[in-house]
Amino acid sequence: MQEPNVLELSNSELKAQTPTEEEVEITEVFTMMVAAPTDQLPEELPKTASSLPLVGLLGLLSLVTAFALALVKREYKHGQN
């Protein structure tokens, strides 16, 4: 974006206002917290998933199969008559 107002904003210094209405550098207000690295990692991840979605998918597949078989049976009976 090469518009003058965008270039002016990108080149300006950012200031923050404290509760006492004093202007300070933005870096004084927002400090970055760095987490200390952990030395020990777990050997194995916890087992948080369940097989419930798989059971639901099998149930849906069973319903679709039953509907398809009923439709085929219906068409087969109409073809014989």
Foldseek 3Di string as FASTA:
>chain_A
DPDPVVVVVVPDFDWDADPVRDTDGPCVVDPDDDDDDDPDDDPDDDDDDDCVVVVVVVVVVVVVVVVVVVVVVVVVVVVVD
